Amino acid sequence: MRVLVCPDKFAGTISAPDVASAFAEGWRERRPADELVLRPLSDGGPGFAAVLAAALPGALTLAVATSDPLGRPVEGHVLLDGETAYVESAEACGLHLLAESERDPKHTTSFGLGPLVLAAVEAGAREVVIGLGGSATNDGGAGLLAALGAAPLDAAGYALPYGGAALAACASLGDVPRLRGARLVAATDVDSPLLGLHGASAVFGPQKGASREDVFLLDSALTRFAEVLETIPGCPSGLAARPGAGAAGGLGAAILALGGRVESGIGLVRRLTRLDGELERSYLVVTGEGSFDEQSLRGKVVAGVANAARDLGVPCVVVAGRVDAGRREAAAIGVTEAHSLVEHFGSVPKAMAQPADGLRELGRRMAQQWSR
């Protein structure tokens, strides 16, 4: 039996390659003769660069010194494949870079993404694809713009402090960002607008440490900042309402304002990893993520894989840290069945502490089940 194992990461616990490896180890204990093909995936968040590096063996990886959401030194990477560069925003803006006590989107910044984009342009990229997801920021890409030479200014012409809260006083940008003609692409499967009940602050702010009061403050600040972004030459009208503008704390809005476009992260990864070809040759596909819930049904890795498997008539099984999606809703996107580590262990702490052990056991159990 040929089984394709293509999960996303389990956020905060285990990477996508380790999820695939642990599950495959368990499966092989029961059915060592089966062919298991491992293709870890990402929809643009943490792991995006590593997944594409494995899919593009001829690409050049450049190490770049940059900074985290609080301005501390970190190392990021640019993957250069001909005239296209791939950058993972979470390497500079990721929530995983901060301790829980440090999470405060009123002050965290996307500035660190700027050096990665500039390094890509300096290396000759004509198109820079930026994976968005897992961010600790809610600054509408203000930090990124500052790093590109267009610092947000107050009414007196002084540069604003970093962070989303300061944008309430934004009156203009110091200059027009200069990218030497390079095009930007936001790779994300978040279709949220920038503002309102379904916007960046309301939907994702609490995950980044924002209180209820912070959410209102940040949404108001981004409302003002969106007006300033629309003064950039070539910025599309109605920027704040465009799907994907709210991705990664509003980084999507900044990329759109610079004339960029939004592309499905899992769609791009499917294409570059040639996933559909692997699906056609497989009897079963196994995918998964940390929490299989309502958001998973709206275009993340699991939905992308399940939709493709359904179209090809291949059974699709989901393994996840926890499963909150309804069976009917899951079946509608192509999921045959779903299994969770929380159900296996009986508690969330155990599932988070021993994900690899749980995945190996699920692999053993499913190998026996599907062999029938």
Protein backbone atom coordinates (compact mmCIF):
# COMPACT_ATOMS: atom_id res chain seq x y z
CA MET A 1 0.00 0.00 0.00
CA ARG A 2 1.31 3.46 -0.91
CA VAL A 3 0.53 6.07 1.75
CA LEU A 4 1.19 9.79 1.37
CA VAL A 5 1.88 11.52 4.72
CA CYS A 6 1.68 15.31 4.34
CA PRO A 7 0.89 17.14 7.61
CA ASP A 8 1.35 20.72 8.71
CA LYS A 9 3.11 21.51 12.00
CA PHE A 10 1.37 21.07 15.35
CA ALA A 11 1.86 24.68 16.46
CA GLY A 12 3.83 25.04 19.65
CA THR A 13 4.64 21.35 20.00
CA ILE A 14 6.15 19.59 16.96
CA SER A 15 7.29 20.53 13.44
CA ALA A 16 5.69 19.20 10.25
CA PRO A 17 8.70 16.98 9.34
CA ASP A 18 8.69 15.48 12.84
CA VAL A 19 4.92 14.86 12.67
CA ALA A 20 5.36 12.96 9.41
CA SER A 21 8.36 10.98 10.70
CA ALA A 22 6.72 9.94 13.98
CA PHE A 23 3.51 8.81 12.27
CA ALA A 24 5.47 6.89 9.64
CA GLU A 25 7.57 5.13 12.31
CA GLY A 26 4.43 3.80 13.95
CA TRP A 27 2.90 2.72 10.64
CA ARG A 28 6.05 0.85 9.57
CA GLU A 29 6.09 -1.14 12.81
CA ARG A 30 2.81 -2.74 11.73
CA ARG A 31 3.28 -2.79 7.95
CA PRO A 32 7.00 -2.55 7.06
CA ALA A 33 6.39 -3.48 3.42
CA ASP A 34 4.12 -0.47 2.71
CA GLU A 35 5.54 2.50 0.79
CA LEU A 36 5.27 5.71 2.83
CA VAL A 37 5.96 9.02 1.07
CA LEU A 38 6.60 11.90 3.46
CA ARG A 39 5.79 15.44 2.28
CA PRO A 40 5.58 17.90 5.20
CA LEU A 41 3.56 20.97 4.26
CA SER A 42 2.92 24.59 5.27
CA ASP A 43 0.30 27.18 4.33
CA GLY A 44 2.74 30.08 4.76
CA GLY A 45 3.34 30.05 8.52
CA PRO A 46 6.26 28.53 10.48
CA GLY A 47 7.97 25.84 8.44
CA PHE A 48 7.23 27.49 5.08
CA ALA A 49 10.90 28.04 4.19
CA ALA A 50 11.98 24.54 5.22
CA VAL A 51 9.16 22.87 3.26
CA LEU A 52 10.04 24.78 0.09
CA ALA A 53 13.79 24.20 0.54
CA ALA A 54 13.09 20.46 0.47
CA ALA A 55 10.85 20.86 -2.59
CA LEU A 56 13.36 23.03 -4.50
CA PRO A 57 16.71 21.22 -4.12
CA GLY A 58 18.40 23.50 -6.67
CA ALA A 59 17.50 26.68 -4.79
CA LEU A 60 20.09 28.71 -2.90
CA THR A 61 19.51 29.42 0.80
CA LEU A 62 20.91 32.69 2.14
CA ALA A 63 21.27 33.33 5.87
CA VAL A 64 20.27 36.87 6.86
CA ALA A 65 20.78 38.65 10.18
CA THR A 66 17.56 40.31 11.30
CA SER A 67 15.48 40.94 14.45
CA ASP A 68 12.53 39.40 16.28
CA PRO A 69 9.23 41.15 17.18
CA LEU A 70 10.94 42.89 20.12
CA GLY A 71 14.05 43.93 18.17
CA ARG A 72 16.40 41.21 19.40
CA PRO A 73 18.86 39.62 16.94
CA VAL A 74 17.71 36.47 15.13
CA GLU A 75 18.70 34.73 11.92
CA GLY A 76 16.32 34.41 9.00
CA HIS A 77 16.65 32.91 5.54
CA VAL A 78 15.95 33.72 1.92
CA LEU A 79 15.38 30.85 -0.49
CA LEU A 80 16.42 31.97 -3.99
CA ASP A 81 15.15 29.96 -6.96
CA GLY A 82 16.11 31.79 -10.14
CA GLU A 83 14.45 35.21 -10.05
CA THR A 84 11.95 34.16 -7.37
CA ALA A 85 12.73 34.39 -3.67
CA TYR A 86 10.78 32.81 -0.82
CA VAL A 87 10.73 34.30 2.67
CA GLU A 88 9.04 33.10 5.86
CA SER A 89 7.77 36.09 7.85
CA ALA A 90 7.53 33.99 11.04
CA GLU A 91 11.33 33.74 11.14
CA ALA A 92 11.32 37.44 12.11
CA CYS A 93 7.75 38.09 13.32
CA GLY A 94 6.75 34.70 14.71
CA LEU A 95 4.81 34.25 17.93
CA HIS A 96 7.06 31.29 18.74
CA LEU A 97 9.99 33.73 19.14
CA LEU A 98 8.43 35.25 22.27
CA ALA A 99 7.80 33.93 25.74
CA GLU A 100 4.14 34.05 26.74
CA SER A 101 4.82 36.95 29.09
CA GLU A 102 6.37 38.97 26.22
CA ARG A 103 3.34 38.78 23.90
CA ASP A 104 1.84 42.22 23.42
CA PRO A 105 0.75 43.25 19.90
CA LYS A 106 0.52 46.87 21.00
CA HIS A 107 4.32 46.95 20.88
CA THR A 108 5.60 44.06 18.73
CA THR A 109 6.89 44.96 15.28
CA SER A 110 7.20 43.46 11.80
CA PHE A 111 10.45 45.41 11.20
CA GLY A 112 12.52 42.21 11.07
CA LEU A 113 10.80 41.09 7.87
CA GLY A 114 12.30 44.08 6.07
CA PRO A 115 15.93 42.88 6.02
CA LEU A 116 14.77 39.53 4.61
CA VAL A 117 12.88 41.22 1.76
CA LEU A 118 15.75 43.60 1.06
CA ALA A 119 18.25 40.72 1.02
CA ALA A 120 16.06 38.94 -1.53
CA VAL A 121 15.94 42.03 -3.75
CA GLU A 122 19.71 42.58 -3.41
CA ALA A 123 20.25 38.95 -4.47
CA GLY A 124 18.44 39.67 -7.75
CA ALA A 125 14.91 38.46 -7.04
CA ARG A 126 12.24 39.94 -9.29
CA GLU A 127 9.46 38.37 -7.25
CA VAL A 128 9.51 37.90 -3.47
CA VAL A 129 6.97 35.42 -2.09
CA ILE A 130 6.37 36.05 1.63
CA GLY A 131 4.79 33.29 3.70
CA LEU A 132 2.39 34.83 6.21
CA GLY A 133 1.23 33.11 9.37
CA GLY A 134 2.04 32.56 13.03
CA SER A 135 2.90 36.21 13.63
CA ALA A 136 3.21 37.99 16.97
CA THR A 137 2.46 41.39 15.42
CA ASN A 138 -0.58 43.55 14.74
CA ASP A 139 1.07 46.59 13.18
CA GLY A 140 -0.37 46.44 9.66
CA GLY A 141 3.12 45.94 8.27
CA ALA A 142 4.27 49.33 9.61
CA GLY A 143 7.55 47.83 10.79
CA LEU A 144 8.15 46.26 7.39
CA LEU A 145 7.55 49.61 5.68
CA ALA A 146 9.95 51.34 8.08
CA ALA A 147 12.65 48.81 7.20
CA LEU A 148 11.98 49.47 3.50
CA GLY A 149 12.56 53.20 4.00
CA ALA A 150 8.97 54.38 4.52
CA ALA A 151 8.71 54.95 8.26
CA PRO A 152 5.25 55.91 9.60
CA LEU A 153 5.32 59.50 10.87
CA ASP A 154 3.14 61.54 13.24
CA ALA A 155 1.65 64.94 12.38
CA ALA A 156 4.88 66.69 13.40
CA GLY A 157 6.95 64.50 11.07
CA TYR A 158 8.55 62.35 13.77
CA ALA A 159 8.89 58.59 13.38
CA LEU A 160 6.37 56.62 15.41
CA PRO A 161 7.39 54.00 17.97
CA TYR A 162 7.11 50.40 16.85
CA GLY A 163 3.93 48.43 17.45
CA GLY A 164 0.28 48.54 16.52
CA ALA A 165 -0.89 50.96 19.22
CA ALA A 166 1.26 53.87 17.98
CA LEU A 167 -0.44 53.82 14.57
CA ALA A 168 -3.37 55.76 15.99
CA ALA A 169 -1.16 58.84 15.58
CA CYS A 170 0.05 58.03 12.06
CA ALA A 171 -0.27 60.98 9.65
CA SER A 172 1.99 59.97 6.74
CA LEU A 173 4.86 57.80 5.53
CA GLY A 174 8.39 59.15 5.37
CA ASP A 175 8.92 58.03 1.78
CA VAL A 176 7.72 55.59 -0.85
CA PRO A 177 9.20 52.11 -0.34
CA ARG A 178 11.69 51.26 -3.07
CA LEU A 179 11.93 47.62 -4.12
CA ARG A 180 13.77 48.10 -7.45
CA GLY A 181 10.74 46.90 -9.32
CA ALA A 182 10.48 43.58 -7.47
CA ARG A 183 6.94 42.25 -7.03
CA LEU A 184 5.66 41.05 -3.65
CA VAL A 185 3.36 38.07 -3.14
CA ALA A 186 1.65 37.23 0.16
CA ALA A 187 1.35 33.44 0.52
CA THR A 188 -1.45 32.86 3.02
CA ASP A 189 -4.74 31.07 3.47
CA VAL A 190 -6.13 33.66 5.86
CA ASP A 191 -8.84 35.56 3.97
CA SER A 192 -9.67 38.00 6.76
CA PRO A 193 -10.00 41.72 6.03
CA LEU A 194 -7.88 44.18 7.96
CA LEU A 195 -10.61 45.69 10.15
CA GLY A 196 -13.80 44.88 12.04
CA LEU A 197 -15.26 41.76 13.65
CA HIS A 198 -13.48 39.46 11.20
CA GLY A 199 -10.31 41.54 10.98
CA ALA A 200 -6.74 41.09 12.16
CA SER A 201 -7.21 42.56 15.65
CA ALA A 202 -10.49 40.88 16.57
CA VAL A 203 -9.77 37.40 15.22
CA PHE A 204 -6.07 36.96 15.89
CA GLY A 205 -5.20 39.66 18.43
CA PRO A 206 -6.20 37.61 21.51
CA GLN A 207 -3.90 34.77 20.39
CA LYS A 208 -1.04 37.27 20.44
CA GLY A 209 -1.72 38.60 23.92
CA ALA A 210 -4.29 41.34 23.26
CA SER A 211 -6.98 42.00 25.85
CA ARG A 212 -10.53 42.98 24.88
CA GLU A 213 -9.60 46.64 25.35
CA ASP A 214 -6.44 46.14 23.30
CA VAL A 215 -8.47 44.72 20.40
CA PHE A 216 -10.58 47.89 20.15
CA LEU A 217 -7.49 50.09 20.44
CA LEU A 218 -5.60 48.14 17.77
CA ASP A 219 -8.53 48.04 15.37
CA SER A 220 -8.94 51.81 15.70
CA ALA A 221 -5.20 52.34 15.09
CA LEU A 222 -5.27 50.13 12.00
CA THR A 223 -8.28 52.06 10.70
CA ARG A 224 -6.15 55.20 10.73
CA PHE A 225 -3.15 53.40 9.26
CA ALA A 226 -5.21 51.98 6.39
CA GLU A 227 -6.05 55.55 5.35
CA VAL A 228 -2.33 56.34 5.23
CA LEU A 229 -1.52 53.18 3.28
CA GLU A 230 -3.99 54.20 0.59
CA THR A 231 -1.81 57.25 -0.15
CA ILE A 232 0.92 54.95 -1.52
CA PRO A 233 0.94 55.21 -5.34
CA GLY A 234 -0.69 52.11 -6.83
CA CYS A 235 -2.41 51.04 -3.61
CA PRO A 236 -5.78 49.45 -4.44
CA SER A 237 -8.90 51.23 -3.24
CA GLY A 238 -10.87 49.66 -0.42
CA LEU A 239 -7.63 48.18 0.93
CA ALA A 240 -8.91 47.39 4.42
CA ALA A 241 -11.78 45.23 3.15
CA ARG A 242 -9.74 43.11 0.74
CA PRO A 243 -9.44 39.38 1.53
CA GLY A 244 -6.05 38.61 3.04
CA ALA A 245 -5.39 42.18 4.19
CA GLY A 246 -5.69 41.00 7.80
CA ALA A 247 -3.18 38.16 7.42
CA ALA A 248 -0.25 38.18 9.88
CA GLY A 249 -1.51 41.17 11.83
CA GLY A 250 -2.08 43.24 8.71
CA LEU A 251 1.12 42.41 6.85
CA GLY A 252 -1.20 41.38 4.02
CA ALA A 253 -2.48 44.96 3.83
CA ALA A 254 1.05 46.38 3.56
CA ILE A 255 1.93 43.95 0.76
CA LEU A 256 -1.27 44.83 -1.13
CA ALA A 257 -0.57 48.53 -0.63
CA LEU A 258 2.83 48.04 -2.28
CA GLY A 259 1.15 46.63 -5.38
CA GLY A 260 1.53 43.01 -4.33
CA ARG A 261 -1.01 40.22 -4.54
CA VAL A 262 -2.33 37.48 -2.27
CA GLU A 263 -1.92 33.83 -3.28
CA SER A 264 -3.11 30.68 -1.51
CA GLY A 265 -0.24 29.40 0.61
CA ILE A 266 -1.27 25.75 0.45
CA GLY A 267 -2.01 26.15 -3.27
CA LEU A 268 1.52 27.40 -3.87
CA VAL A 269 3.06 24.66 -1.73
CA ARG A 270 0.93 22.00 -3.44
CA ARG A 271 2.23 23.17 -6.79
CA LEU A 272 5.90 23.41 -5.83
CA THR A 273 5.92 20.06 -3.99
CA ARG A 274 4.01 18.41 -6.89
CA LEU A 275 1.59 17.10 -4.30
CA ASP A 276 -1.22 16.30 -6.70
CA GLY A 277 1.04 13.92 -8.63
CA GLU A 278 1.88 12.10 -5.40
CA LEU A 279 -1.81 11.92 -4.53
CA GLU A 280 -2.66 10.27 -7.84
CA ARG A 281 -0.24 7.44 -7.07
CA SER A 282 -1.37 6.89 -3.46
CA TYR A 283 -3.98 4.61 -1.89
CA LEU A 284 -4.38 6.78 1.21
CA VAL A 285 -3.34 10.29 2.28
CA VAL A 286 -2.72 11.32 5.89
CA THR A 287 -2.58 15.01 6.79
CA GLY A 288 -3.05 17.01 9.98
CA GLU A 289 -2.29 19.99 12.19
CA GLY A 290 -2.33 20.99 15.83
CA SER A 291 -6.01 21.92 16.00
CA PHE A 292 -8.45 20.67 13.39
CA ASP A 293 -11.27 23.18 13.80
CA GLU A 294 -13.50 25.60 11.92
CA GLN A 295 -10.53 27.64 10.69
CA SER A 296 -9.06 24.46 9.20
CA LEU A 297 -12.06 24.18 6.89
CA ARG A 298 -11.39 27.57 5.31
CA GLY A 299 -8.34 26.83 3.18
CA LYS A 300 -5.48 25.80 5.44
CA VAL A 301 -3.24 22.77 4.83
CA VAL A 302 -5.82 20.17 5.86
CA ALA A 303 -8.53 21.66 3.63
CA GLY A 304 -6.14 21.97 0.69
CA VAL A 305 -5.04 18.35 0.95
CA ALA A 306 -8.53 17.00 1.62
CA ASN A 307 -10.03 18.88 -1.32
CA ALA A 308 -7.37 17.55 -3.67
CA ALA A 309 -7.77 13.99 -2.33
CA ARG A 310 -11.56 14.17 -2.70
CA ASP A 311 -11.26 15.30 -6.32
CA LEU A 312 -9.02 12.30 -7.05
CA GLY A 313 -11.09 9.80 -5.08
CA VAL A 314 -8.34 9.15 -2.51
CA PRO A 315 -9.35 8.57 1.15
CA CYS A 316 -8.03 11.33 3.44
CA VAL A 317 -7.39 10.83 7.16
CA VAL A 318 -6.60 13.69 9.55
CA VAL A 319 -4.41 13.32 12.64
CA ALA A 320 -4.43 16.34 14.94
CA GLY A 321 -3.60 17.48 18.42
CA ARG A 322 -7.30 18.06 18.95
CA VAL A 323 -10.38 17.75 16.73
CA ASP A 324 -13.14 20.33 17.08
CA ALA A 325 -14.49 20.32 13.52
CA GLY A 326 -17.84 18.61 13.01
CA ARG A 327 -17.97 15.35 11.08
CA ARG A 328 -20.34 16.64 8.43
CA GLU A 329 -18.27 19.77 7.86
CA ALA A 330 -15.09 17.69 7.68
CA ALA A 331 -16.66 15.24 5.25
CA ALA A 332 -17.77 18.13 3.04
CA ILE A 333 -14.15 19.12 2.36
CA GLY A 334 -13.07 15.52 1.74
CA VAL A 335 -11.99 14.22 5.17
CA THR A 336 -12.75 10.50 5.58
CA GLU A 337 -11.99 10.33 9.32
CA ALA A 338 -10.13 12.31 12.00
CA HIS A 339 -8.12 11.22 15.06
CA SER A 340 -6.78 13.38 17.90
CA LEU A 341 -3.94 13.10 20.37
CA VAL A 342 -6.17 14.59 23.09
CA GLU A 343 -8.60 11.72 22.64
CA HIS A 344 -5.74 9.21 22.60
CA PHE A 345 -4.10 10.49 25.80
CA GLY A 346 -7.25 11.68 27.53
CA SER A 347 -5.88 15.15 28.34
CA VAL A 348 -4.47 18.24 26.64
CA PRO A 349 -1.26 18.45 28.77
CA LYS A 350 -0.26 14.88 27.89
CA ALA A 351 -1.03 15.44 24.21
CA MET A 352 1.20 18.52 24.16
CA ALA A 353 3.97 16.89 26.18
CA GLN A 354 4.21 13.67 24.17
CA PRO A 355 3.07 14.40 20.60
CA ALA A 356 5.62 12.12 18.91
CA ASP A 357 4.67 9.15 21.10
CA GLY A 358 1.00 9.72 20.38
CA LEU A 359 1.58 10.04 16.63
CA ARG A 360 3.55 6.78 16.57
CA GLU A 361 0.67 5.02 18.32
CA LEU A 362 -1.85 6.52 15.89
CA GLY A 363 0.37 5.32 13.04
CA ARG A 364 0.41 1.77 14.43
CA ARG A 365 -3.35 1.75 14.98
CA MET A 366 -4.21 3.16 11.55
CA ALA A 367 -1.85 0.80 9.74
CA GLN A 368 -3.71 -2.11 11.27
CA GLN A 369 -7.10 -0.57 10.58
CA TRP A 370 -6.46 0.35 6.93
CA SER A 371 -4.75 -2.93 6.11
CA ARG A 372 -8.18 -4.55 6.40
